[in-house]
């Protein structure tokens, strides 16, 4: 199916809106990004998660045509971003960690300027201006110079400039940085709503942020992919065998008596995380007369999964 965007013909329904293939970025002897590949479809949010220096921002700068990778390919809306960077810039809105704002402009002047730079004019510019002002909650600060805005409002204006041309792709670097808890909740809700019709790629080093917002997670460490997928898929990679939380009356150490037990971690007094080769541990415990207070499938948080994977990768 063909669609027309800013005078450019692009394919929809044929491929992922964002596709990165074997990205490598080398600075001297440092491989900041090392063989990273992923794709993001319309209606999907991909969260890049990793410690500081993992390569998240570098990847977003490659996707947004700010820098050219040492190796690899990027396709945005089916267009080769490395061959045609000027054309693909119409397809995405980019919010870097520090929003690109002109301090001396009023908010309304700045957004109108960005809209015109994006090729909007007349009624279309007016419609998009009104829309971003409403969804980003900027009506109360339109006449304020950008330099007088709080961190939260600066972030909102940064998101508004990324949205004003209604791109099919959003690239967001630490989008909730510096926001208070209420603003974070509002920003998450807005990004989730926008993702219904767009592909969203965002980065964060905050685990709770990624867990709350991303449909799929791409975990990075030292420039390399450690794991990717839904939380459930990542969980199955860390624990391919069944995992149970077992709470017993008192402490217990003779787990070797149970051949189905592969791994045991004490997580509290009389509480254990047990990895099993097969089902049947509960019955085995009862047959040996061990008093079981609780026995249920364990579900680790994304934080616990992340720490295990990053520790593994290091």
C-alpha atoms as a PDB file:
ATOM      1  CA  UNK A   1       0.000   0.000   0.000  1.00  0.00           C
ATOM      2  CA  UNK A   2       1.295   3.466  -0.892  1.00  0.00           C
ATOM      3  CA  UNK A   3       1.106   6.554   1.280  1.00  0.00           C
ATOM      4  CA  UNK A   4       2.188  10.125   0.581  1.00  0.00           C
ATOM      5  CA  UNK A   5       4.057  12.001   3.298  1.00  0.00           C
ATOM      6  CA  UNK A   6       5.480  15.490   2.796  1.00  0.00           C
ATOM      7  CA  UNK A   7       5.526  14.854  -0.931  1.00  0.00           C
ATOM      8  CA  UNK A   8       7.444  11.577  -0.600  1.00  0.00           C
ATOM      9  CA  UNK A   9       6.066   8.182  -1.575  1.00  0.00           C
ATOM     10  CA  UNK A  10       6.658   5.449   0.986  1.00  0.00           C
ATOM     11  CA  UNK A  11       5.551   1.869   1.493  1.00  0.00           C
ATOM     12  CA  UNK A  12       3.332   0.943   4.413  1.00  0.00           C
ATOM     13  CA  UNK A  13       2.207  -2.455   5.564  1.00  0.00           C
ATOM     14  CA  UNK A  14       5.212  -3.912   3.703  1.00  0.00           C
ATOM     15  CA  UNK A  15       8.016  -3.665   6.277  1.00  0.00           C
ATOM     16  CA  UNK A  16       8.882  -2.408   9.742  1.00  0.00           C
ATOM     17  CA  UNK A  17       8.881   1.378  10.070  1.00  0.00           C
ATOM     18  CA  UNK A  18      12.295   1.215  11.761  1.00  0.00           C
ATOM     19  CA  UNK A  19      14.931  -1.349  10.860  1.00  0.00           C
ATOM     20  CA  UNK A  20      18.546  -1.382  12.039  1.00  0.00           C
ATOM     21  CA  UNK A  21      20.888  -3.961  10.518  1.00  0.00           C
ATOM     22  CA  UNK A  22      24.233  -4.915  12.091  1.00  0.00           C
ATOM     23  CA  UNK A  23      25.060  -1.408  13.358  1.00  0.00           C
ATOM     24  CA  UNK A  24      28.671  -0.799  14.370  1.00  0.00           C
ATOM     25  CA  UNK A  25      30.094   2.499  15.631  1.00  0.00           C
ATOM     26  CA  UNK A  26      33.805   2.766  16.317  1.00  0.00           C
ATOM     27  CA  UNK A  27      35.540   5.729  17.984  1.00  0.00           C
ATOM     28  CA  UNK A  28      39.278   5.056  17.831  1.00  0.00           C
ATOM     29  CA  UNK A  29      39.728   1.810  19.756  1.00  0.00           C
ATOM     30  CA  UNK A  30      36.236   1.950  21.325  1.00  0.00           C
ATOM     31  CA  UNK A  31      33.388  -0.034  19.751  1.00  0.00           C
ATOM     32  CA  UNK A  32      30.513   2.034  21.121  1.00  0.00           C
ATOM     33  CA  UNK A  33      27.982  -0.055  19.178  1.00  0.00           C
ATOM     34  CA  UNK A  34      28.847  -3.590  18.119  1.00  0.00           C
ATOM     35  CA  UNK A  35      26.625  -5.518  15.698  1.00  0.00           C
ATOM     36  CA  UNK A  36      23.196  -4.280  16.826  1.00  0.00           C
ATOM     37  CA  UNK A  37      20.079  -5.211  14.827  1.00  0.00           C
ATOM     38  CA  UNK A  38      16.376  -4.670  15.553  1.00  0.00           C
ATOM     39  CA  UNK A  39      13.127  -3.534  13.990  1.00  0.00           C
ATOM     40  CA  UNK A  40      10.058  -1.649  15.200  1.00  0.00           C
ATOM     41  CA  UNK A  41       6.594  -1.862  13.670  1.00  0.00           C
ATOM     42  CA  UNK A  42       3.789   0.693  13.654  1.00  0.00           C
ATOM     43  CA  UNK A  43       1.890   0.565  16.937  1.00  0.00           C
ATOM     44  CA  UNK A  44       4.932  -0.688  18.862  1.00  0.00           C
ATOM     45  CA  UNK A  45       7.221   0.824  21.501  1.00  0.00           C
ATOM     46  CA  UNK A  46      10.799  -0.460  21.716  1.00  0.00           C
ATOM     47  CA  UNK A  47      12.760   0.473  24.822  1.00  0.00           C
ATOM     48  CA  UNK A  48      16.558   0.528  24.672  1.00  0.00           C
ATOM     49  CA  UNK A  49      17.778  -0.321  28.161  1.00  0.00           C
ATOM     50  CA  UNK A  50      21.320  -0.326  29.463  1.00  0.00           C
ATOM     51  CA  UNK A  51      23.752   1.278  31.895  1.00  0.00           C
ATOM     52  CA  UNK A  52      25.352   4.621  31.083  1.00  0.00           C
ATOM     53  CA  UNK A  53      27.793   4.173  28.224  1.00  0.00           C
ATOM     54  CA  UNK A  54      26.028   1.089  26.844  1.00  0.00           C
ATOM     55  CA  UNK A  55      25.505   2.686  23.406  1.00  0.00           C
ATOM     56  CA  UNK A  56      21.839   3.746  23.659  1.00  0.00           C
ATOM     57  CA  UNK A  57      22.288   7.393  22.702  1.00  0.00           C
ATOM     58  CA  UNK A  58      24.728   6.495  19.928  1.00  0.00           C
ATOM     59  CA  UNK A  59      22.122   4.190  18.377  1.00  0.00           C
ATOM     60  CA  UNK A  60      19.451   6.907  18.539  1.00  0.00           C
ATOM     61  CA  UNK A  61      21.830   9.415  16.959  1.00  0.00           C
ATOM     62  CA  UNK A  62      22.422   6.939  14.119  1.00  0.00           C
ATOM     63  CA  UNK A  63      18.680   6.387  13.649  1.00  0.00           C
ATOM     64  CA  UNK A  64      18.077  10.147  13.576  1.00  0.00           C
ATOM     65  CA  UNK A  65      20.830  10.700  10.957  1.00  0.00           C
ATOM     66  CA  UNK A  66      22.921  12.783  13.359  1.00  0.00           C
ATOM     67  CA  UNK A  67      25.923  10.503  12.803  1.00  0.00           C
ATOM     68  CA  UNK A  68      26.870   7.865  10.229  1.00  0.00           C
ATOM     69  CA  UNK A  69      27.724   4.386  11.554  1.00  0.00           C
ATOM     70  CA  UNK A  70      31.042   2.723  10.820  1.00  0.00           C
ATOM     71  CA  UNK A  71      29.087  -0.244   9.509  1.00  0.00           C
ATOM     72  CA  UNK A  72      25.474  -1.304   9.061  1.00  0.00           C
ATOM     73  CA  UNK A  73      22.204  -0.141   7.550  1.00  0.00           C
ATOM     74  CA  UNK A  74      19.183   1.847   8.761  1.00  0.00           C
ATOM     75  CA  UNK A  75      15.803   1.893   7.041  1.00  0.00           C
ATOM     76  CA  UNK A  76      13.057   4.325   8.092  1.00  0.00           C
ATOM     77  CA  UNK A  77       9.640   3.828   6.489  1.00  0.00           C
ATOM     78  CA  UNK A  78      11.386   1.564   3.978  1.00  0.00           C
ATOM     79  CA  UNK A  79      13.866   4.260   2.914  1.00  0.00           C
ATOM     80  CA  UNK A  80      17.651   3.831   3.283  1.00  0.00           C
ATOM     81  CA  UNK A  81      18.557   6.468   5.885  1.00  0.00           C
ATOM     82  CA  UNK A  82      22.264   6.400   5.071  1.00  0.00           C
ATOM     83  CA  UNK A  83      21.756   6.935   1.345  1.00  0.00           C
ATOM     84  CA  UNK A  84      18.941   9.502   1.678  1.00  0.00           C
ATOM     85  CA  UNK A  85      19.243  11.234   5.092  1.00  0.00           C
ATOM     86  CA  UNK A  86      17.469  14.404   3.931  1.00  0.00           C
ATOM     87  CA  UNK A  87      14.423  12.469   2.729  1.00  0.00           C
ATOM     88  CA  UNK A  88      14.025  10.255   5.801  1.00  0.00           C
ATOM     89  CA  UNK A  89      14.109  13.237   8.196  1.00  0.00           C
ATOM     90  CA  UNK A  90      10.497  13.869   7.210  1.00  0.00           C
ATOM     91  CA  UNK A  91       9.604  10.437   8.616  1.00  0.00           C
ATOM     92  CA  UNK A  92      10.699  10.901  12.229  1.00  0.00           C
ATOM     93  CA  UNK A  93      10.516  13.240  15.180  1.00  0.00           C
ATOM     94  CA  UNK A  94      13.579  13.288  17.427  1.00  0.00           C
ATOM     95  CA  UNK A  95      13.738  14.299  21.082  1.00  0.00           C
ATOM     96  CA  UNK A  96      17.329  14.214  22.335  1.00  0.00           C
ATOM     97  CA  UNK A  97      18.042  14.077  26.065  1.00  0.00           C
ATOM     98  CA  UNK A  98      18.598  17.854  26.000  1.00  0.00           C
ATOM     99  CA  UNK A  99      15.793  19.320  23.807  1.00  0.00           C
ATOM    100  CA  UNK A 100      16.981  21.537  20.915  1.00  0.00           C
ATOM    101  CA  UNK A 101      15.381  24.811  22.029  1.00  0.00           C
ATOM    102  CA  UNK A 102      16.069  28.435  21.125  1.00  0.00           C
ATOM    103  CA  UNK A 103      16.271  30.192  24.476  1.00  0.00           C
ATOM    104  CA  UNK A 104      15.300  33.688  23.293  1.00  0.00           C
ATOM    105  CA  UNK A 105      12.152  32.651  21.434  1.00  0.00           C
ATOM    106  CA  UNK A 106       8.725  32.467  22.989  1.00  0.00           C
ATOM    107  CA  UNK A 107       7.233  28.977  22.951  1.00  0.00           C
ATOM    108  CA  UNK A 108       4.692  29.862  20.246  1.00  0.00           C
ATOM    109  CA  UNK A 109       7.405  31.434  18.055  1.00  0.00           C
ATOM    110  CA  UNK A 110       9.633  28.405  18.465  1.00  0.00           C
ATOM    111  CA  UNK A 111       6.940  25.881  17.533  1.00  0.00           C
ATOM    112  CA  UNK A 112       5.842  27.926  14.534  1.00  0.00           C
ATOM    113  CA  UNK A 113       9.479  28.183  13.437  1.00  0.00           C
ATOM    114  CA  UNK A 114       9.964  24.418  13.695  1.00  0.00           C
ATOM    115  CA  UNK A 115       6.691  23.780  11.840  1.00  0.00           C
ATOM    116  CA  UNK A 116       7.767  26.051   8.973  1.00  0.00           C
ATOM    117  CA  UNK A 117      11.221  24.417   8.894  1.00  0.00           C
ATOM    118  CA  UNK A 118       9.390  21.096   8.555  1.00  0.00           C
ATOM    119  CA  UNK A 119       7.561  22.382   5.479  1.00  0.00           C
ATOM    120  CA  UNK A 120       4.213  23.220   7.099  1.00  0.00           C
ATOM    121  CA  UNK A 121       2.256  26.366   6.288  1.00  0.00           C
ATOM    122  CA  UNK A 122      -1.199  27.893   6.356  1.00  0.00           C
ATOM    123  CA  UNK A 123      -4.065  25.785   7.669  1.00  0.00           C
ATOM    124  CA  UNK A 124      -1.948  22.649   8.118  1.00  0.00           C
ATOM    125  CA  UNK A 125       0.563  24.508  10.296  1.00  0.00           C
ATOM    126  CA  UNK A 126      -2.271  26.025  12.330  1.00  0.00           C
ATOM    127  CA  UNK A 127      -3.878  22.617  12.869  1.00  0.00           C
ATOM    128  CA  UNK A 128      -0.643  20.915  13.903  1.00  0.00           C
ATOM    129  CA  UNK A 129       0.339  23.846  16.139  1.00  0.00           C
ATOM    130  CA  UNK A 130      -3.008  23.682  17.970  1.00  0.00           C
ATOM    131  CA  UNK A 131      -2.767  19.908  18.312  1.00  0.00           C
ATOM    132  CA  UNK A 132       0.721  19.782  19.827  1.00  0.00           C
ATOM    133  CA  UNK A 133      -0.095  22.661  22.178  1.00  0.00           C
ATOM    134  CA  UNK A 134      -3.120  20.742  23.445  1.00  0.00           C
ATOM    135  CA  UNK A 135      -1.579  17.260  23.774  1.00  0.00           C
ATOM    136  CA  UNK A 136       1.654  18.557  25.324  1.00  0.00           C
ATOM    137  CA  UNK A 137      -0.149  20.897  27.722  1.00  0.00           C
ATOM    138  CA  UNK A 138       1.531  24.107  26.578  1.00  0.00           C
ATOM    139  CA  UNK A 139      -1.363  26.571  26.370  1.00  0.00           C
ATOM    140  CA  UNK A 140      -0.333  28.316  29.597  1.00  0.00           C
ATOM    141  CA  UNK A 141       3.248  29.047  28.497  1.00  0.00           C
ATOM    142  CA  UNK A 142       2.904  30.020  24.826  1.00  0.00           C
ATOM    143  CA  UNK A 143       3.952  33.623  25.480  1.00  0.00           C
ATOM    144  CA  UNK A 144       6.830  32.662  27.776  1.00  0.00           C
ATOM    145  CA  UNK A 145      10.436  32.773  26.560  1.00  0.00           C
ATOM    146  CA  UNK A 146      11.937  29.302  26.433  1.00  0.00           C
ATOM    147  CA  UNK A 147      14.725  30.317  28.835  1.00  0.00           C
ATOM    148  CA  UNK A 148      12.143  30.858  31.603  1.00  0.00           C
ATOM    149  CA  UNK A 149      10.596  27.390  31.353  1.00  0.00           C
ATOM    150  CA  UNK A 150      10.957  24.726  34.015  1.00  0.00           C
ATOM    151  CA  UNK A 151      12.656  21.445  33.161  1.00  0.00           C
ATOM    152  CA  UNK A 152       9.268  19.760  32.786  1.00  0.00           C
ATOM    153  CA  UNK A 153       7.947  22.353  30.342  1.00  0.00           C
ATOM    154  CA  UNK A 154      11.189  22.341  28.359  1.00  0.00           C
ATOM    155  CA  UNK A 155      10.733  18.593  27.919  1.00  0.00           C
ATOM    156  CA  UNK A 156       7.131  19.122  26.774  1.00  0.00           C
ATOM    157  CA  UNK A 157       8.210  21.734  24.221  1.00  0.00           C
ATOM    158  CA  UNK A 158      10.912  19.334  23.031  1.00  0.00           C
ATOM    159  CA  UNK A 159       8.292  16.643  22.482  1.00  0.00           C
ATOM    160  CA  UNK A 160       5.996  19.139  20.719  1.00  0.00           C
ATOM    161  CA  UNK A 161       8.721  20.015  18.192  1.00  0.00           C
ATOM    162  CA  UNK A 162       9.231  16.302  17.508  1.00  0.00           C
ATOM    163  CA  UNK A 163       5.508  15.858  16.866  1.00  0.00           C
ATOM    164  CA  UNK A 164       4.539  18.978  14.971  1.00  0.00           C
ATOM    165  CA  UNK A 165       4.931  17.464  11.474  1.00  0.00           C
ATOM    166  CA  UNK A 166       3.018  14.289  12.494  1.00  0.00           C
ATOM    167  CA  UNK A 167       5.833  11.812  11.732  1.00  0.00           C
ATOM    168  CA  UNK A 168       5.193   8.044  11.673  1.00  0.00           C
ATOM    169  CA  UNK A 169       8.314   7.432  13.807  1.00  0.00           C
ATOM    170  CA  UNK A 170       9.297   8.890  17.187  1.00  0.00           C
ATOM    171  CA  UNK A 171      12.887   8.654  18.487  1.00  0.00           C
ATOM    172  CA  UNK A 172      13.106   9.673  22.138  1.00  0.00           C
ATOM    173  CA  UNK A 173      16.267   9.804  24.262  1.00  0.00           C
ATOM    174  CA  UNK A 174      15.457   9.611  27.994  1.00  0.00           C
ATOM    175  CA  UNK A 175      12.040  11.278  27.439  1.00  0.00           C
ATOM    176  CA  UNK A 176      11.100  11.591  31.137  1.00  0.00           C
ATOM    177  CA  UNK A 177      14.427  12.860  32.433  1.00  0.00           C
ATOM    178  CA  UNK A 178      14.014  15.656  34.974  1.00  0.00           C
ATOM    179  CA  UNK A 179      10.227  15.304  35.251  1.00  0.00           C
ATOM    180  CA  UNK A 180       8.342  14.984  38.524  1.00  0.00           C
ATOM    181  CA  UNK A 181       6.228  11.851  39.196  1.00  0.00           C
ATOM    182  CA  UNK A 182       3.003  13.411  37.873  1.00  0.00           C
ATOM    183  CA  UNK A 183       4.715  14.674  34.721  1.00  0.00           C
ATOM    184  CA  UNK A 184       6.304  11.254  34.204  1.00  0.00           C
ATOM    185  CA  UNK A 185       2.887   9.588  34.361  1.00  0.00           C
ATOM    186  CA  UNK A 186       1.479  12.134  31.893  1.00  0.00           C
ATOM    187  CA  UNK A 187       4.423  11.692  29.510  1.00  0.00           C
ATOM    188  CA  UNK A 188       4.084   7.903  29.602  1.00  0.00           C
ATOM    189  CA  UNK A 189       0.362   8.134  28.856  1.00  0.00           C
ATOM    190  CA  UNK A 190       1.002  10.496  25.947  1.00  0.00           C
ATOM    191  CA  UNK A 191       3.716   8.295  24.429  1.00  0.00           C
ATOM    192  CA  UNK A 192       1.496   5.239  24.804  1.00  0.00           C
ATOM    193  CA  UNK A 193      -1.380   7.053  23.058  1.00  0.00           C
ATOM    194  CA  UNK A 194       0.906   8.262  20.243  1.00  0.00           C
ATOM    195  CA  UNK A 195       2.235   4.743  19.690  1.00  0.00           C
ATOM    196  CA  UNK A 196      -1.169   3.582  18.440  1.00  0.00           C
ATOM    197  CA  UNK A 197      -0.338   5.061  15.035  1.00  0.00           C
ATOM    198  CA  UNK A 198       3.445   5.372  15.224  1.00  0.00           C
ATOM    199  CA  UNK A 199       6.606   3.359  15.806  1.00  0.00           C
ATOM    200  CA  UNK A 200       8.378   4.578  18.953  1.00  0.00           C
ATOM    201  CA  UNK A 201      12.005   3.944  19.918  1.00  0.00           C
ATOM    202  CA  UNK A 202      13.130   5.344  23.256  1.00  0.00           C
ATOM    203  CA  UNK A 203      16.120   4.920  25.528  1.00  0.00           C
ATOM    204  CA  UNK A 204      16.394   4.845  29.286  1.00  0.00           C
ATOM    205  CA  UNK A 205      18.708   3.619  32.010  1.00  0.00           C
ATOM    206  CA  UNK A 206      15.736   3.567  34.398  1.00  0.00           C
ATOM    207  CA  UNK A 207      14.350   0.038  34.611  1.00  0.00           C
ATOM    208  CA  UNK A 208      10.924   1.058  35.893  1.00  0.00           C
ATOM    209  CA  UNK A 209      10.545   3.436  32.950  1.00  0.00           C
ATOM    210  CA  UNK A 210      11.180   0.722  30.384  1.00  0.00           C
ATOM    211  CA  UNK A 211       9.021  -1.805  32.225  1.00  0.00           C
ATOM    212  CA  UNK A 212       6.107   0.670  32.350  1.00  0.00           C
ATOM    213  CA  UNK A 213       6.292   1.824  28.749  1.00  0.00           C
ATOM    214  CA  UNK A 214       7.932  -0.633  26.349  1.00  0.00           C
ATOM    215  CA  UNK A 215       6.175  -3.395  24.428  1.00  0.00           C
ATOM    216  CA  UNK A 216       9.586  -4.906  23.730  1.00  0.00           C
ATOM    217  CA  UNK A 217      12.910  -4.360  25.473  1.00  0.00           C
ATOM    218  CA  UNK A 218      16.361  -4.294  23.883  1.00  0.00           C
ATOM    219  CA  UNK A 219      19.014  -4.685  26.584  1.00  0.00           C
ATOM    220  CA  UNK A 220      22.491  -3.354  25.801  1.00  0.00           C
ATOM    221  CA  UNK A 221      25.803  -3.622  27.604  1.00  0.00           C
ATOM    222  CA  UNK A 222      29.143  -2.349  26.304  1.00  0.00           C
ATOM    223  CA  UNK A 223      27.610  -1.696  22.882  1.00  0.00           C
ATOM    224  CA  UNK A 224      26.282  -5.224  22.393  1.00  0.00           C
ATOM    225  CA  UNK A 225      22.849  -6.792  22.548  1.00  0.00           C
ATOM    226  CA  UNK A 226      22.449  -8.815  25.734  1.00  0.00           C
ATOM    227  CA  UNK A 227      18.812  -9.779  25.229  1.00  0.00           C
ATOM    228  CA  UNK A 228      15.702  -8.545  23.430  1.00  0.00           C
ATOM    229  CA  UNK A 229      12.016  -9.324  23.324  1.00  0.00           C
ATOM    230  CA  UNK A 230       9.007  -9.009  25.561  1.00  0.00           C
ATOM    231  CA  UNK A 231       9.532  -9.307  29.299  1.00  0.00           C
ATOM    232  CA  UNK A 232       8.220 -12.889  29.112  1.00  0.00           C
ATOM    233  CA  UNK A 233      10.635 -13.785  26.312  1.00  0.00           C
ATOM    234  CA  UNK A 234      13.582 -12.339  28.223  1.00  0.00           C
ATOM    235  CA  UNK A 235      12.461 -14.184  31.347  1.00  0.00           C
ATOM    236  CA  UNK A 236      12.465 -17.484  29.438  1.00  0.00           C
ATOM    237  CA  UNK A 237      16.001 -16.777  28.239  1.00  0.00           C
ATOM    238  CA  UNK A 238      17.240 -16.253  31.796  1.00  0.00           C
ATOM    239  CA  UNK A 239      15.205 -19.175  33.161  1.00  0.00           C
ATOM    240  CA  UNK A 240      14.397 -21.695  30.416  1.00  0.00           C
ATOM    241  CA  UNK A 241      13.323 -24.152  33.145  1.00  0.00           C
ATOM    242  CA  UNK A 242      10.383 -23.707  35.579  1.00  0.00           C
ATOM    243  CA  UNK A 243      11.121 -21.390  38.526  1.00  0.00           C
ATOM    244  CA  UNK A 244       9.198 -21.471  41.816  1.00  0.00           C
ATOM    245  CA  UNK A 245       9.155 -19.469  44.992  1.00  0.00           C
ATOM    246  CA  UNK A 246       9.142 -21.950  47.870  1.00  0.00           C
ATOM    247  CA  UNK A 247       8.514 -20.954  51.496  1.00  0.00           C
ATOM    248  CA  UNK A 248       9.111 -23.607  54.143  1.00  0.00           C
ATOM    249  CA  UNK A 249       8.621 -23.872  57.893  1.00  0.00           C
ATOM    250  CA  UNK A 250      12.160 -23.068  58.998  1.00  0.00           C
ATOM    251  CA  UNK A 251      15.418 -23.232  57.060  1.00  0.00           C
ATOM    252  CA  UNK A 252      16.288 -26.115  54.763  1.00  0.00           C
ATOM    253  CA  UNK A 253      19.580 -27.039  53.070  1.00  0.00           C
ATOM    254  CA  UNK A 254      19.332 -30.601  51.758  1.00  0.00           C
ATOM    255  CA  UNK A 255      18.135 -29.693  48.252  1.00  0.00           C
ATOM    256  CA  UNK A 256      20.441 -32.360  46.783  1.00  0.00           C
ATOM    257  CA  UNK A 257      17.850 -34.910  47.891  1.00  0.00           C
ATOM    258  CA  UNK A 258      15.644 -33.681  45.030  1.00  0.00           C
ATOM    259  CA  UNK A 259      17.073 -34.637  41.607  1.00  0.00           C
ATOM    260  CA  UNK A 260      14.626 -32.314  39.807  1.00  0.00           C
ATOM    261  CA  UNK A 261      16.211 -29.237  41.484  1.00  0.00           C
ATOM    262  CA  UNK A 262      18.819 -27.498  39.295  1.00  0.00           C
ATOM    263  CA  UNK A 263      19.448 -24.276  41.212  1.00  0.00           C
ATOM    264  CA  UNK A 264      18.466 -22.824  44.582  1.00  0.00           C
ATOM    265  CA  UNK A 265      18.763 -19.235  45.807  1.00  0.00           C
ATOM    266  CA  UNK A 266      17.859 -18.288  49.369  1.00  0.00           C
ATOM    267  CA  UNK A 267      15.882 -15.047  49.217  1.00  0.00           C
ATOM    268  CA  UNK A 268      14.701 -14.813  52.824  1.00  0.00           C
ATOM    269  CA  UNK A 269      14.306 -16.803  56.029  1.00  0.00           C
ATOM    270  CA  UNK A 270      12.807 -20.100  54.874  1.00  0.00           C
ATOM    271  CA  UNK A 271      12.187 -18.622  51.398  1.00  0.00           C
ATOM    272  CA  UNK A 272      13.876 -19.928  48.251  1.00  0.00           C
ATOM    273  CA  UNK A 273      13.883 -19.398  44.513  1.00  0.00           C
ATOM    274  CA  UNK A 274      14.135 -22.870  42.997  1.00  0.00           C
ATOM    275  CA  UNK A 275      14.857 -23.732  39.360  1.00  0.00           C
ATOM    276  CA  UNK A 276      13.544 -27.162  38.431  1.00  0.00           C
ATOM    277  CA  UNK A 277      14.222 -29.532  35.550  1.00  0.00           C
ATOM    278  CA  UNK A 278      10.611 -30.687  35.688  1.00  0.00           C
ATOM    279  CA  UNK A 279       7.346 -30.259  37.562  1.00  0.00           C
ATOM    280  CA  UNK A 280       6.652 -32.279  40.712  1.00  0.00           C
ATOM    281  CA  UNK A 281       8.785 -30.589  43.376  1.00  0.00           C
ATOM    282  CA  UNK A 282       5.795 -29.713  45.556  1.00  0.00           C
ATOM    283  CA  UNK A 283       4.723 -33.358  45.680  1.00  0.00           C
ATOM    284  CA  UNK A 284       8.300 -34.456  46.435  1.00  0.00           C
ATOM    285  CA  UNK A 285       8.552 -32.014  49.350  1.00  0.00           C
ATOM    286  CA  UNK A 286       5.255 -33.212  50.810  1.00  0.00           C
ATOM    287  CA  UNK A 287       6.256 -36.865  50.469  1.00  0.00           C
ATOM    288  CA  UNK A 288       9.351 -36.179  52.568  1.00  0.00           C
ATOM    289  CA  UNK A 289       7.237 -34.564  55.270  1.00  0.00           C
ATOM    290  CA  UNK A 290       8.576 -31.033  54.705  1.00  0.00           C
ATOM    291  CA  UNK A 291       6.071 -28.373  55.774  1.00  0.00           C
ATOM    292  CA  UNK A 292       5.435 -26.004  52.853  1.00  0.00           C
ATOM    293  CA  UNK A 293       3.968 -22.580  53.649  1.00  0.00           C
ATOM    294  CA  UNK A 294       3.851 -21.332  50.047  1.00  0.00           C
ATOM    295  CA  UNK A 295       4.676 -22.684  46.612  1.00  0.00           C
ATOM    296  CA  UNK A 296       4.013 -20.760  43.404  1.00  0.00           C
ATOM    297  CA  UNK A 297       5.649 -19.852  40.068  1.00  0.00           C
ATOM    298  CA  UNK A 298       8.193 -17.064  40.460  1.00  0.00           C
ATOM    299  CA  UNK A 299       8.176 -13.959  38.279  1.00  0.00           C
ATOM    300  CA  UNK A 300      11.288 -11.807  38.443  1.00  0.00           C
ATOM    301  CA  UNK A 301      11.075  -8.070  37.881  1.00  0.00           C
ATOM    302  CA  UNK A 302      12.767  -6.565  34.843  1.00  0.00           C
ATOM    303  CA  UNK A 303      15.347  -5.149  37.265  1.00  0.00           C
ATOM    304  CA  UNK A 304      16.345  -8.629  38.465  1.00  0.00           C
ATOM    305  CA  UNK A 305      16.456  -9.951  34.903  1.00  0.00           C
ATOM    306  CA  UNK A 306      18.561  -6.975  33.804  1.00  0.00           C
ATOM    307  CA  UNK A 307      21.075  -7.411  36.627  1.00  0.00           C
ATOM    308  CA  UNK A 308      21.472 -11.096  35.849  1.00  0.00           C
ATOM    309  CA  UNK A 309      21.928 -10.488  32.108  1.00  0.00           C
ATOM    310  CA  UNK A 310      24.305  -7.537  32.418  1.00  0.00           C
ATOM    311  CA  UNK A 311      26.326  -9.426  35.015  1.00  0.00           C
ATOM    312  CA  UNK A 312      26.428 -12.398  32.626  1.00  0.00           C
ATOM    313  CA  UNK A 313      27.565 -10.192  29.742  1.00  0.00           C
ATOM    314  CA  UNK A 314      30.298  -8.543  31.799  1.00  0.00           C
END
